[in-house]
Amino acid sequence: MDLQVAIGYGSDIQKAHDVITELMKQDARILLDPAAQVAVSELGDLGVKFVILPWVKTEDYLSVKFDLTRQIKEAFDKNNIEIGFPQRAVHIISGGQTN
C-alpha cells in the first residue's frame, strides 16, 4: 500500500514519523514482514510530505487504507501536528505617492 500525507512546515517531523509508525504497529492487519516504511519523500507546496508503505493482505487493502488515513488525521489533531495544505505568501509593496 502506498499512502502519502503532508504536514505543515512548522510541525515536528520526528513526532509525525513516530505517530504514523505507532499506528501501524497497533494494526494487526499490517504485516511485519516485509516491514512497513515511513519516510519523508518531498518538501513541497503542501508541506513536508511523507510516504507510508505498509504491507497488507489483498483482502485487507481498502479497510486498512481507510482506517489508517482516518487514524493519522485523528492522531495528528491530538498531537498538534498540522496537516499540510496549499499556501501562498503575498507581499504588498506600497509605493510612496507624489503630488
N, C-alpha and C. Protein backbone atom coordinates (compact mmCIF):
# COMPACT_ATOMS: atom_id res chain seq x y z
N MET A 1 0.85 -1.17 0.00
CA MET A 1 0.00 0.00 0.00
C MET A 1 0.90 1.23 0.00
N ASP A 2 0.46 2.26 -0.68
CA ASP A 2 1.23 3.50 -0.76
C ASP A 2 0.32 4.65 -0.35
N LEU A 3 0.54 5.19 0.85
CA LEU A 3 -0.20 6.36 1.32
C LEU A 3 0.75 7.54 1.37
N GLN A 4 0.20 8.73 1.20
CA GLN A 4 1.00 9.93 1.33
C GLN A 4 0.23 10.93 2.17
N VAL A 5 0.97 11.65 3.01
CA VAL A 5 0.37 12.69 3.83
C VAL A 5 1.41 13.79 3.98
N ALA A 6 0.95 15.03 3.99
CA ALA A 6 1.86 16.16 4.17
C ALA A 6 1.55 16.84 5.50
N ILE A 7 2.61 17.28 6.16
CA ILE A 7 2.45 18.05 7.39
C ILE A 7 2.96 19.46 7.14
N GLY A 8 2.47 20.41 7.92
CA GLY A 8 2.91 21.79 7.78
C GLY A 8 4.39 21.92 8.13
N TYR A 9 5.03 22.91 7.53
CA TYR A 9 6.46 23.11 7.76
C TYR A 9 6.79 23.41 9.22
N GLY A 10 5.84 23.91 9.98
CA GLY A 10 6.09 24.20 11.39
C GLY A 10 5.91 23.01 12.32
N SER A 11 5.46 21.88 11.77
CA SER A 11 5.22 20.69 12.59
C SER A 11 6.50 19.89 12.78
N ASP A 12 6.51 19.09 13.83
CA ASP A 12 7.67 18.29 14.21
C ASP A 12 7.72 17.02 13.35
N ILE A 13 8.73 16.92 12.50
CA ILE A 13 8.85 15.79 11.58
C ILE A 13 9.00 14.47 12.33
N GLN A 14 9.85 14.44 13.33
CA GLN A 14 10.09 13.20 14.07
C GLN A 14 8.83 12.74 14.80
N LYS A 15 8.11 13.69 15.37
CA LYS A 15 6.87 13.35 16.08
C LYS A 15 5.85 12.76 15.11
N ALA A 16 5.72 13.36 13.93
CA ALA A 16 4.79 12.84 12.92
C ALA A 16 5.20 11.43 12.51
N HIS A 17 6.49 11.22 12.28
CA HIS A 17 7.01 9.90 11.91
C HIS A 17 6.67 8.88 12.99
N ASP A 18 6.90 9.25 14.25
CA ASP A 18 6.64 8.34 15.37
C ASP A 18 5.15 8.02 15.49
N VAL A 19 4.29 9.00 15.30
CA VAL A 19 2.84 8.79 15.39
C VAL A 19 2.39 7.80 14.31
N ILE A 20 2.85 8.00 13.08
CA ILE A 20 2.46 7.10 11.99
C ILE A 20 2.97 5.69 12.25
N THR A 21 4.23 5.58 12.67
CA THR A 21 4.83 4.27 12.95
C THR A 21 4.07 3.53 14.04
N GLU A 22 3.71 4.24 15.09
CA GLU A 22 2.98 3.61 16.20
C GLU A 22 1.60 3.13 15.75
N LEU A 23 0.92 3.92 14.94
CA LEU A 23 -0.39 3.50 14.43
C LEU A 23 -0.27 2.20 13.64
N MET A 24 0.76 2.09 12.83
CA MET A 24 0.93 0.87 12.04
C MET A 24 1.27 -0.33 12.92
N LYS A 25 2.04 -0.11 13.98
CA LYS A 25 2.39 -1.20 14.90
C LYS A 25 1.15 -1.74 15.61
N GLN A 26 0.16 -0.88 15.84
CA GLN A 26 -1.04 -1.27 16.57
C GLN A 26 -2.06 -2.01 15.71
N ASP A 27 -1.88 -1.99 14.40
CA ASP A 27 -2.85 -2.61 13.50
C ASP A 27 -2.37 -4.01 13.09
N ALA A 28 -3.03 -5.03 13.59
CA ALA A 28 -2.63 -6.42 13.33
C ALA A 28 -2.75 -6.80 11.86
N ARG A 29 -3.51 -6.03 11.09
CA ARG A 29 -3.66 -6.34 9.66
C ARG A 29 -2.43 -5.94 8.85
N ILE A 30 -1.59 -5.09 9.42
CA ILE A 30 -0.37 -4.67 8.72
C ILE A 30 0.70 -5.71 9.01
N LEU A 31 1.26 -6.26 7.94
CA LEU A 31 2.22 -7.35 8.06
C LEU A 31 3.55 -6.87 8.64
N LEU A 32 4.20 -7.76 9.38
CA LEU A 32 5.51 -7.44 9.96
C LEU A 32 6.64 -7.69 8.96
N ASP A 33 6.39 -8.60 8.00
CA ASP A 33 7.40 -8.93 7.01
C ASP A 33 6.76 -9.00 5.65
N PRO A 34 7.14 -8.15 4.74
CA PRO A 34 8.18 -7.12 4.87
C PRO A 34 7.72 -5.98 5.78
N ALA A 35 8.69 -5.34 6.38
CA ALA A 35 8.40 -4.28 7.34
C ALA A 35 7.84 -3.04 6.64
N ALA A 36 6.92 -2.39 7.32
CA ALA A 36 6.36 -1.13 6.83
C ALA A 36 7.44 -0.05 6.86
N GLN A 37 7.31 0.94 6.00
CA GLN A 37 8.26 2.04 5.96
C GLN A 37 7.51 3.37 6.02
N VAL A 38 8.15 4.33 6.67
CA VAL A 38 7.67 5.70 6.71
C VAL A 38 8.88 6.58 6.42
N ALA A 39 8.75 7.48 5.44
CA ALA A 39 9.89 8.31 5.09
C ALA A 39 9.42 9.66 4.58
N VAL A 40 10.24 10.68 4.79
CA VAL A 40 9.98 11.99 4.19
C VAL A 40 10.35 11.86 2.71
N SER A 41 9.40 12.18 1.85
CA SER A 41 9.63 11.99 0.42
C SER A 41 9.75 13.29 -0.36
N GLU A 42 9.30 14.39 0.23
CA GLU A 42 9.29 15.63 -0.55
C GLU A 42 9.09 16.84 0.36
N LEU A 43 9.70 17.93 -0.03
CA LEU A 43 9.42 19.23 0.59
C LEU A 43 8.66 20.02 -0.47
N GLY A 44 7.35 20.01 -0.36
CA GLY A 44 6.53 20.53 -1.44
C GLY A 44 5.66 21.71 -1.07
N ASP A 45 4.76 22.04 -1.98
CA ASP A 45 3.83 23.16 -1.79
C ASP A 45 2.91 22.95 -0.60
N LEU A 46 2.57 21.69 -0.33
CA LEU A 46 1.65 21.39 0.77
C LEU A 46 2.36 21.30 2.10
N GLY A 47 3.65 21.14 2.08
CA GLY A 47 4.42 20.99 3.31
C GLY A 47 5.40 19.85 3.16
N VAL A 48 5.75 19.22 4.26
CA VAL A 48 6.68 18.10 4.29
C VAL A 48 5.86 16.84 4.02
N LYS A 49 6.16 16.18 2.91
CA LYS A 49 5.36 15.02 2.51
C LYS A 49 6.01 13.72 2.97
N PHE A 50 5.18 12.88 3.59
CA PHE A 50 5.60 11.53 3.99
C PHE A 50 5.03 10.52 3.02
N VAL A 51 5.80 9.49 2.74
CA VAL A 51 5.28 8.32 2.06
C VAL A 51 5.20 7.22 3.12
N ILE A 52 4.07 6.53 3.13
CA ILE A 52 3.78 5.50 4.14
C ILE A 52 3.53 4.20 3.38
N LEU A 53 4.36 3.18 3.66
CA LEU A 53 4.32 1.95 2.88
C LEU A 53 4.11 0.72 3.76
N PRO A 54 2.88 0.48 4.21
CA PRO A 54 2.60 -0.76 4.94
C PRO A 54 2.26 -1.89 3.97
N TRP A 55 2.60 -3.09 4.35
CA TRP A 55 2.24 -4.28 3.58
C TRP A 55 1.03 -4.93 4.24
N VAL A 56 0.04 -5.25 3.41
CA VAL A 56 -1.19 -5.87 3.92
C VAL A 56 -1.64 -6.98 2.97
N LYS A 57 -2.49 -7.85 3.46
CA LYS A 57 -3.11 -8.85 2.60
C LYS A 57 -4.07 -8.14 1.65
N THR A 58 -4.23 -8.70 0.48
CA THR A 58 -5.09 -8.10 -0.54
C THR A 58 -6.49 -7.81 0.00
N GLU A 59 -7.05 -8.74 0.74
CA GLU A 59 -8.42 -8.57 1.24
C GLU A 59 -8.53 -7.47 2.30
N ASP A 60 -7.42 -7.06 2.88
CA ASP A 60 -7.43 -6.00 3.90
C ASP A 60 -7.09 -4.62 3.34
N TYR A 61 -6.74 -4.56 2.08
CA TYR A 61 -6.20 -3.33 1.49
C TYR A 61 -7.08 -2.11 1.76
N LEU A 62 -8.32 -2.14 1.31
CA LEU A 62 -9.18 -0.95 1.43
C LEU A 62 -9.50 -0.61 2.88
N SER A 63 -9.79 -1.60 3.69
CA SER A 63 -10.14 -1.29 5.09
C SER A 63 -8.94 -0.69 5.82
N VAL A 64 -7.74 -1.20 5.58
CA VAL A 64 -6.55 -0.63 6.22
C VAL A 64 -6.30 0.78 5.70
N LYS A 65 -6.41 0.96 4.40
CA LYS A 65 -6.18 2.29 3.81
C LYS A 65 -7.12 3.32 4.42
N PHE A 66 -8.41 3.00 4.46
CA PHE A 66 -9.39 3.95 5.00
C PHE A 66 -9.19 4.17 6.50
N ASP A 67 -8.98 3.10 7.24
CA ASP A 67 -8.80 3.21 8.70
C ASP A 67 -7.53 3.97 9.04
N LEU A 68 -6.43 3.64 8.39
CA LEU A 68 -5.16 4.28 8.69
C LEU A 68 -5.19 5.77 8.34
N THR A 69 -5.82 6.11 7.24
CA THR A 69 -5.94 7.52 6.85
C THR A 69 -6.70 8.30 7.93
N ARG A 70 -7.82 7.76 8.39
CA ARG A 70 -8.60 8.41 9.45
C ARG A 70 -7.80 8.49 10.75
N GLN A 71 -7.14 7.41 11.11
CA GLN A 71 -6.37 7.37 12.35
C GLN A 71 -5.21 8.37 12.33
N ILE A 72 -4.57 8.52 11.18
CA ILE A 72 -3.49 9.51 11.07
C ILE A 72 -4.03 10.91 11.31
N LYS A 73 -5.14 11.25 10.69
CA LYS A 73 -5.73 12.58 10.88
C LYS A 73 -6.07 12.80 12.35
N GLU A 74 -6.72 11.84 12.97
CA GLU A 74 -7.10 11.98 14.38
C GLU A 74 -5.87 12.08 15.29
N ALA A 75 -4.86 11.27 15.02
CA ALA A 75 -3.65 11.30 15.85
C ALA A 75 -2.87 12.60 15.65
N PHE A 76 -2.85 13.10 14.43
CA PHE A 76 -2.18 14.39 14.19
C PHE A 76 -2.91 15.50 14.93
N ASP A 77 -4.23 15.50 14.89
CA ASP A 77 -5.00 16.51 15.64
C ASP A 77 -4.67 16.44 17.12
N LYS A 78 -4.65 15.24 17.66
CA LYS A 78 -4.39 15.04 19.09
C LYS A 78 -2.98 15.48 19.49
N ASN A 79 -2.04 15.37 18.56
CA ASN A 79 -0.64 15.68 18.84
C ASN A 79 -0.19 17.03 18.28
N ASN A 80 -1.15 17.86 17.90
CA ASN A 80 -0.86 19.20 17.38
C ASN A 80 0.10 19.19 16.19
N ILE A 81 -0.13 18.23 15.30
CA ILE A 81 0.63 18.16 14.05
C ILE A 81 -0.29 18.66 12.95
N GLU A 82 0.12 19.71 12.29
CA GLU A 82 -0.72 20.34 11.28
C GLU A 82 -0.61 19.59 9.95
N ILE A 83 -1.76 19.26 9.37
CA ILE A 83 -1.79 18.67 8.03
C ILE A 83 -1.41 19.77 7.05
N GLY A 84 -0.59 19.42 6.06
CA GLY A 84 -0.17 20.39 5.06
C GLY A 84 -1.32 20.79 4.15
N PHE A 85 -1.32 22.02 3.72
CA PHE A 85 -2.33 22.50 2.79
C PHE A 85 -1.70 23.59 1.94
N PRO A 86 -2.26 23.85 0.75
CA PRO A 86 -1.66 24.85 -0.13
C PRO A 86 -1.66 26.23 0.53
N GLN A 87 -0.55 26.91 0.39
CA GLN A 87 -0.43 28.25 0.95
C GLN A 87 0.27 29.15 -0.06
N ARG A 88 -0.06 30.39 -0.03
CA ARG A 88 0.60 31.39 -0.87
C ARG A 88 0.98 32.57 0.01
N ALA A 89 2.17 33.04 -0.19
CA ALA A 89 2.62 34.24 0.51
C ALA A 89 2.42 35.42 -0.44
N VAL A 90 1.76 36.44 0.04
CA VAL A 90 1.51 37.65 -0.76
C VAL A 90 2.26 38.80 -0.11
N HIS A 91 3.11 39.42 -0.87
CA HIS A 91 3.87 40.57 -0.38
C HIS A 91 3.31 41.82 -1.05
N ILE A 92 2.87 42.77 -0.24
CA ILE A 92 2.32 44.01 -0.76
C ILE A 92 3.37 45.09 -0.59
N ILE A 93 3.74 45.68 -1.68
CA ILE A 93 4.73 46.75 -1.67
C ILE A 93 3.98 48.05 -1.91
N SER A 94 4.01 48.89 -0.88
CA SER A 94 3.31 50.17 -1.04
C SER A 94 4.33 51.21 -1.45
N GLY A 95 4.04 51.85 -2.54
CA GLY A 95 4.93 52.88 -3.06
C GLY A 95 4.55 54.24 -2.50
N GLY A 96 5.51 55.11 -2.41
CA GLY A 96 5.23 56.49 -1.97
C GLY A 96 4.44 57.22 -3.03
N GLN A 97 3.55 58.05 -2.61
CA GLN A 97 2.72 58.82 -3.54
C GLN A 97 3.31 60.22 -3.70
N THR A 98 3.42 60.66 -4.91
CA THR A 98 3.92 62.02 -5.15
C THR A 98 2.78 62.89 -5.62
N ASN A 99 2.77 64.13 -5.17
CA ASN A 99 1.72 65.07 -5.57
C ASN A 99 2.25 66.05 -6.57
